[in-house]
PDB file of N, CA and C in Angstrom:
ATOM      1  N   UNK A   1       1.190  -1.676  -0.225  1.00  0.00           N
ATOM      2  CA  UNK A   1      -0.014   0.132   0.257  1.00  0.00           C
ATOM      3  C   UNK A   1       0.661   1.141  -0.095  1.00  0.00           C
ATOM      4  N   UNK A   2       0.595   2.086  -0.779  1.00  0.00           N
ATOM      5  CA  UNK A   2       1.433   3.422  -0.778  1.00  0.00           C
ATOM      6  C   UNK A   2       0.313   4.384   0.692  1.00  0.00           C
ATOM      7  N   UNK A   3       1.337   5.033   0.560  1.00  0.00           N
ATOM      8  CA  UNK A   3       1.037   5.743   1.816  1.00  0.00           C
ATOM      9  C   UNK A   3       1.537   6.987   1.606  1.00  0.00           C
ATOM     10  N   UNK A   4       1.157   8.682   1.816  1.00  0.00           N
ATOM     11  CA  UNK A   4       1.214  10.032   1.763  1.00  0.00           C
ATOM     12  C   UNK A   4       1.755  10.376   3.447  1.00  0.00           C
ATOM     13  N   UNK A   5       2.862  11.198   3.151  1.00  0.00           N
ATOM     14  CA  UNK A   5       2.784  11.846   4.098  1.00  0.00           C
ATOM     15  C   UNK A   5       3.458  13.317   4.104  1.00  0.00           C
ATOM     16  N   UNK A   6       2.787  14.024   4.923  1.00  0.00           N
ATOM     17  CA  UNK A   6       2.851  16.029   4.312  1.00  0.00           C
ATOM     18  C   UNK A   6       3.310  16.507   5.674  1.00  0.00           C
ATOM     19  N   UNK A   7       4.382  17.896   5.231  1.00  0.00           N
ATOM     20  CA  UNK A   7       5.144  18.409   6.381  1.00  0.00           C
ATOM     21  C   UNK A   7       4.845  19.603   5.882  1.00  0.00           C
ATOM     22  N   UNK A   8       5.081  20.546   6.842  1.00  0.00           N
ATOM     23  CA  UNK A   8       5.267  21.860   6.828  1.00  0.00           C
ATOM     24  C   UNK A   8       6.268  22.460   7.508  1.00  0.00           C
ATOM     25  N   UNK A   9       6.896  23.284   7.039  1.00  0.00           N
ATOM     26  CA  UNK A   9       8.019  24.002   8.503  1.00  0.00           C
ATOM     27  C   UNK A   9       8.669  25.123   7.753  1.00  0.00           C
ATOM     28  N   UNK A  10       8.835  26.096   8.106  1.00  0.00           N
ATOM     29  CA  UNK A  10       9.886  27.653   8.341  1.00  0.00           C
ATOM     30  C   UNK A  10      11.210  27.541   7.335  1.00  0.00           C
ATOM     31  N   UNK A  11      11.462  28.556   7.053  1.00  0.00           N
ATOM     32  CA  UNK A  11      12.425  28.081   6.194  1.00  0.00           C
ATOM     33  C   UNK A  11      13.819  29.340   6.966  1.00  0.00           C
ATOM     34  N   UNK A  12      13.886  28.881   8.199  1.00  0.00           N
ATOM     35  CA  UNK A  12      15.252  29.161   8.680  1.00  0.00           C
ATOM     36  C   UNK A  12      16.387  27.924   8.819  1.00  0.00           C
ATOM     37  N   UNK A  13      17.581  28.545   9.083  1.00  0.00           N
ATOM     38  CA  UNK A  13      18.490  27.645   9.390  1.00  0.00           C
ATOM     39  C   UNK A  13      17.841  26.686  10.213  1.00  0.00           C
ATOM     40  N   UNK A  14      17.884  26.967  11.381  1.00  0.00           N
ATOM     41  CA  UNK A  14      17.481  25.720  12.301  1.00  0.00           C
ATOM     42  C   UNK A  14      16.327  25.689  12.346  1.00  0.00           C
ATOM     43  N   UNK A  15      15.338  25.894  11.591  1.00  0.00           N
ATOM     44  CA  UNK A  15      13.949  25.169  11.038  1.00  0.00           C
ATOM     45  C   UNK A  15      13.981  23.967  10.244  1.00  0.00           C
ATOM     46  N   UNK A  16      15.239  24.277   9.066  1.00  0.00           N
ATOM     47  CA  UNK A  16      15.399  23.125   8.432  1.00  0.00           C
ATOM     48  C   UNK A  16      16.458  21.860   8.389  1.00  0.00           C
ATOM     49  N   UNK A  17      17.745  22.972   9.681  1.00  0.00           N
ATOM     50  CA  UNK A  17      18.542  21.520  10.699  1.00  0.00           C
ATOM     51  C   UNK A  17      17.688  20.603  11.227  1.00  0.00           C
ATOM     52  N   UNK A  18      16.629  21.274  12.103  1.00  0.00           N
ATOM     53  CA  UNK A  18      15.604  20.369  12.912  1.00  0.00           C
ATOM     54  C   UNK A  18      14.616  19.775  11.901  1.00  0.00           C
ATOM     55  N   UNK A  19      14.230  20.203  11.033  1.00  0.00           N
ATOM     56  CA  UNK A  19      13.552  19.521  10.058  1.00  0.00           C
ATOM     57  C   UNK A  19      14.161  17.812   9.787  1.00  0.00           C
ATOM     58  N   UNK A  20      15.424  18.359   8.799  1.00  0.00           N
ATOM     59  CA  UNK A  20      16.099  17.475   8.616  1.00  0.00           C
ATOM     60  C   UNK A  20      16.735  15.827   9.288  1.00  0.00           C
ATOM     61  N   UNK A  21      16.902  16.515  11.092  1.00  0.00           N
ATOM     62  CA  UNK A  21      16.438  15.098  11.600  1.00  0.00           C
ATOM     63  C   UNK A  21      15.005  14.483  12.017  1.00  0.00           C
ATOM     64  N   UNK A  22      14.389  15.365  12.173  1.00  0.00           N
ATOM     65  CA  UNK A  22      13.131  14.974  12.360  1.00  0.00           C
ATOM     66  C   UNK A  22      12.957  14.033  11.290  1.00  0.00           C
ATOM     67  N   UNK A  23      13.174  14.383   9.597  1.00  0.00           N
ATOM     68  CA  UNK A  23      12.744  13.278   8.738  1.00  0.00           C
ATOM     69  C   UNK A  23      14.127  12.245   9.071  1.00  0.00           C
ATOM     70  N   UNK A  24      14.556  12.329   8.814  1.00  0.00           N
ATOM     71  CA  UNK A  24      15.378  11.170   9.183  1.00  0.00           C
ATOM     72  C   UNK A  24      14.667  10.534   9.962  1.00  0.00           C
ATOM     73  N   UNK A  25      14.661  10.623  11.735  1.00  0.00           N
ATOM     74  CA  UNK A  25      13.879   9.576  12.376  1.00  0.00           C
ATOM     75  C   UNK A  25      12.591   9.412  11.972  1.00  0.00           C
ATOM     76  N   UNK A  26      11.989   9.872  11.315  1.00  0.00           N
ATOM     77  CA  UNK A  26      10.661   9.764  10.884  1.00  0.00           C
ATOM     78  C   UNK A  26      10.743   8.792  10.164  1.00  0.00           C
ATOM     79  N   UNK A  27      11.717   8.219   9.002  1.00  0.00           N
ATOM     80  CA  UNK A  27      11.631   6.928   8.484  1.00  0.00           C
ATOM     81  C   UNK A  27      12.439   6.207   8.589  1.00  0.00           C
ATOM     82  N   UNK A  28      13.169   5.938   9.692  1.00  0.00           N
ATOM     83  CA  UNK A  28      14.016   5.092  10.311  1.00  0.00           C
ATOM     84  C   UNK A  28      13.002   4.363  11.491  1.00  0.00           C
ATOM     85  N   UNK A  29      12.054   4.865  11.650  1.00  0.00           N
ATOM     86  CA  UNK A  29      11.129   4.677  13.139  1.00  0.00           C
ATOM     87  C   UNK A  29       9.803   4.053  12.463  1.00  0.00           C
ATOM     88  N   UNK A  30       9.297   4.518  11.373  1.00  0.00           N
ATOM     89  CA  UNK A  30       8.285   4.198  10.163  1.00  0.00           C
ATOM     90  C   UNK A  30       8.977   2.308   8.931  1.00  0.00           C
ATOM     91  N   UNK A  31      10.307   3.020   9.189  1.00  0.00           N
ATOM     92  CA  UNK A  31      10.903   1.931   8.053  1.00  0.00           C
ATOM     93  C   UNK A  31      10.540   1.883   7.237  1.00  0.00           C
ATOM     94  N   UNK A  32      10.156   3.432   6.121  1.00  0.00           N
ATOM     95  CA  UNK A  32       9.970   4.056   5.454  1.00  0.00           C
ATOM     96  C   UNK A  32      10.368   3.288   4.286  1.00  0.00           C
ATOM     97  N   UNK A  33       9.791   3.127   2.731  1.00  0.00           N
ATOM     98  CA  UNK A  33      10.332   3.154   2.339  1.00  0.00           C
ATOM     99  C   UNK A  33      10.204   3.895   0.670  1.00  0.00           C
ATOM    100  N   UNK A  34      10.993   5.535   0.135  1.00  0.00           N
ATOM    101  CA  UNK A  34      10.618   6.381  -0.377  1.00  0.00           C
ATOM    102  C   UNK A  34      10.791   6.724  -1.687  1.00  0.00           C
ATOM    103  N   UNK A  35       9.247   6.562  -1.688  1.00  0.00           N
ATOM    104  CA  UNK A  35       9.029   5.928  -3.479  1.00  0.00           C
ATOM    105  C   UNK A  35       9.787   7.438  -4.668  1.00  0.00           C
ATOM    106  N   UNK A  36       8.828   8.286  -3.916  1.00  0.00           N
ATOM    107  CA  UNK A  36       9.016   9.952  -4.614  1.00  0.00           C
ATOM    108  C   UNK A  36       8.314  10.812  -3.161  1.00  0.00           C
ATOM    109  N   UNK A  37       8.942  12.097  -3.774  1.00  0.00           N
ATOM    110  CA  UNK A  37       8.845  13.215  -3.080  1.00  0.00           C
ATOM    111  C   UNK A  37       8.369  14.641  -3.955  1.00  0.00           C
ATOM    112  N   UNK A  38       7.535  15.446  -3.014  1.00  0.00           N
ATOM    113  CA  UNK A  38       7.659  16.938  -3.797  1.00  0.00           C
ATOM    114  C   UNK A  38       7.683  17.811  -2.580  1.00  0.00           C
ATOM    115  N   UNK A  39       7.847  18.843  -3.212  1.00  0.00           N
ATOM    116  CA  UNK A  39       8.225  19.902  -2.106  1.00  0.00           C
ATOM    117  C   UNK A  39       7.856  21.281  -3.139  1.00  0.00           C
ATOM    118  N   UNK A  40       7.192  22.158  -2.088  1.00  0.00           N
ATOM    119  CA  UNK A  40       7.026  24.012  -2.611  1.00  0.00           C
ATOM    120  C   UNK A  40       7.012  24.760  -1.615  1.00  0.00           C
ATOM    121  N   UNK A  41       7.417  25.846  -2.467  1.00  0.00           N
ATOM    122  CA  UNK A  41       7.247  26.965  -0.739  1.00  0.00           C
ATOM    123  C   UNK A  41       6.652  27.476  -1.249  1.00  0.00           C
ATOM    124  N   UNK A  42       6.048  28.398   0.316  1.00  0.00           N
ATOM    125  CA  UNK A  42       5.181  29.270  -0.058  1.00  0.00           C
ATOM    126  C   UNK A  42       4.733  30.693   1.071  1.00  0.00           C
ATOM    127  N   UNK A  43       4.221  31.366   1.550  1.00  0.00           N
ATOM    128  CA  UNK A  43       3.632  31.718   2.853  1.00  0.00           C
ATOM    129  C   UNK A  43       2.642  31.770   3.917  1.00  0.00           C
ATOM    130  N   UNK A  44       3.078  31.807   5.430  1.00  0.00           N
ATOM    131  CA  UNK A  44       1.551  31.193   5.934  1.00  0.00           C
ATOM    132  C   UNK A  44       1.821  33.015   6.169  1.00  0.00           C
ATOM    133  N   UNK A  45       0.468  33.106   6.526  1.00  0.00           N
ATOM    134  CA  UNK A  45       0.275  34.478   7.422  1.00  0.00           C
ATOM    135  C   UNK A  45      -0.288  34.301   8.558  1.00  0.00           C
ATOM    136  N   UNK A  46       0.092  35.197   9.909  1.00  0.00           N
ATOM    137  CA  UNK A  46       0.281  34.695  11.146  1.00  0.00           C
ATOM    138  C   UNK A  46      -0.939  35.411  11.394  1.00  0.00           C
ATOM    139  N   UNK A  47      -1.595  35.041  12.667  1.00  0.00           N
ATOM    140  CA  UNK A  47      -2.586  36.271  13.396  1.00  0.00           C
ATOM    141  C   UNK A  47      -2.901  37.608  13.222  1.00  0.00           C
ATOM    142  N   UNK A  48      -1.369  37.711  13.761  1.00  0.00           N
ATOM    143  CA  UNK A  48      -0.764  39.254  13.775  1.00  0.00           C
ATOM    144  C   UNK A  48      -0.290  39.464  12.904  1.00  0.00           C
ATOM    145  N   UNK A  49      -0.606  38.816  11.626  1.00  0.00           N
ATOM    146  CA  UNK A  49      -0.703  39.709   9.821  1.00  0.00           C
ATOM    147  C   UNK A  49       1.025  39.256   9.529  1.00  0.00           C
ATOM    148  N   UNK A  50       1.699  38.870   9.965  1.00  0.00           N
ATOM    149  CA  UNK A  50       3.546  38.621   9.328  1.00  0.00           C
ATOM    150  C   UNK A  50       3.454  37.103   8.971  1.00  0.00           C
ATOM    151  N   UNK A  51       3.917  37.561   7.760  1.00  0.00           N
ATOM    152  CA  UNK A  51       4.567  36.089   6.708  1.00  0.00           C
ATOM    153  C   UNK A  51       5.288  35.441   7.054  1.00  0.00           C
ATOM    154  N   UNK A  52       5.338  34.093   7.215  1.00  0.00           N
ATOM    155  CA  UNK A  52       6.565  33.697   7.043  1.00  0.00           C
ATOM    156  C   UNK A  52       7.004  32.375   5.685  1.00  0.00           C
ATOM    157  N   UNK A  53       7.896  32.790   5.070  1.00  0.00           N
ATOM    158  CA  UNK A  53       8.494  31.841   4.316  1.00  0.00           C
ATOM    159  C   UNK A  53       8.391  30.026   5.110  1.00  0.00           C
ATOM    160  N   UNK A  54       7.858  29.288   4.157  1.00  0.00           N
ATOM    161  CA  UNK A  54       7.311  28.218   4.706  1.00  0.00           C
ATOM    162  C   UNK A  54       8.042  26.848   3.312  1.00  0.00           C
ATOM    163  N   UNK A  55       8.194  25.608   3.636  1.00  0.00           N
ATOM    164  CA  UNK A  55       8.637  24.351   2.636  1.00  0.00           C
ATOM    165  C   UNK A  55       7.242  23.403   2.854  1.00  0.00           C
ATOM    166  N   UNK A  56       6.969  22.951   1.857  1.00  0.00           N
ATOM    167  CA  UNK A  56       6.202  21.977   2.287  1.00  0.00           C
ATOM    168  C   UNK A  56       6.228  20.840   1.416  1.00  0.00           C
ATOM    169  N   UNK A  57       6.475  19.954   2.075  1.00  0.00           N
ATOM    170  CA  UNK A  57       6.892  18.724   1.638  1.00  0.00           C
ATOM    171  C   UNK A  57       6.313  16.897   1.402  1.00  0.00           C
ATOM    172  N   UNK A  58       5.842  16.656   0.014  1.00  0.00           N
ATOM    173  CA  UNK A  58       4.991  15.714   0.613  1.00  0.00           C
ATOM    174  C   UNK A  58       5.860  14.256   0.012  1.00  0.00           C
ATOM    175  N   UNK A  59       5.905  13.134   0.904  1.00  0.00           N
ATOM    176  CA  UNK A  59       6.369  11.871   0.277  1.00  0.00           C
ATOM    177  C   UNK A  59       5.495  10.926   0.395  1.00  0.00           C
ATOM    178  N   UNK A  60       5.738   9.916  -0.301  1.00  0.00           N
ATOM    179  CA  UNK A  60       5.187   8.747  -0.971  1.00  0.00           C
ATOM    180  C   UNK A  60       6.212   7.950  -0.600  1.00  0.00           C
ATOM    181  N   UNK A  61       5.357   6.441   0.327  1.00  0.00           N
ATOM    182  CA  UNK A  61       6.415   6.223   0.473  1.00  0.00           C
ATOM    183  C   UNK A  61       5.499   4.961   1.125  1.00  0.00           C
ATOM    184  N   UNK A  62       5.998   3.267   1.344  1.00  0.00           N
ATOM    185  CA  UNK A  62       5.733   1.883   1.592  1.00  0.00           C
ATOM    186  C   UNK A  62       6.789   1.705   2.703  1.00  0.00           C
ATOM    187  N   UNK A  63       5.621   1.327   3.543  1.00  0.00           N
ATOM    188  CA  UNK A  63       6.492   0.557   4.648  1.00  0.00           C
ATOM    189  C   UNK A  63       7.176  -0.831   4.411  1.00  0.00           C
ATOM    190  N   UNK A  64       8.309  -0.650   5.121  1.00  0.00           N
ATOM    191  CA  UNK A  64       8.877  -2.268   4.454  1.00  0.00           C
ATOM    192  C   UNK A  64       8.452  -3.212   5.551  1.00  0.00           C
ATOM    193  N   UNK A  65       8.887  -4.657   5.420  1.00  0.00           N
ATOM    194  CA  UNK A  65       8.618  -5.568   5.841  1.00  0.00           C
ATOM    195  C   UNK A  65       9.355  -5.369   7.373  1.00  0.00           C
TER     196      UNK A  65
END
């Protein structure tokens, strides 16, 4: 069965470093075999009106036995 997971993170060096580590841990924990990925950039507006650059990532994967 093919599964999909979507993430979103801010585009700061600290956020991206944390995100990289999180993805590595998730891949190992889920025993995910990555089939395909997609990424896009955008902005999200906070309630206070500030706009942050964000990275969206979709990963299609299968769980390894």
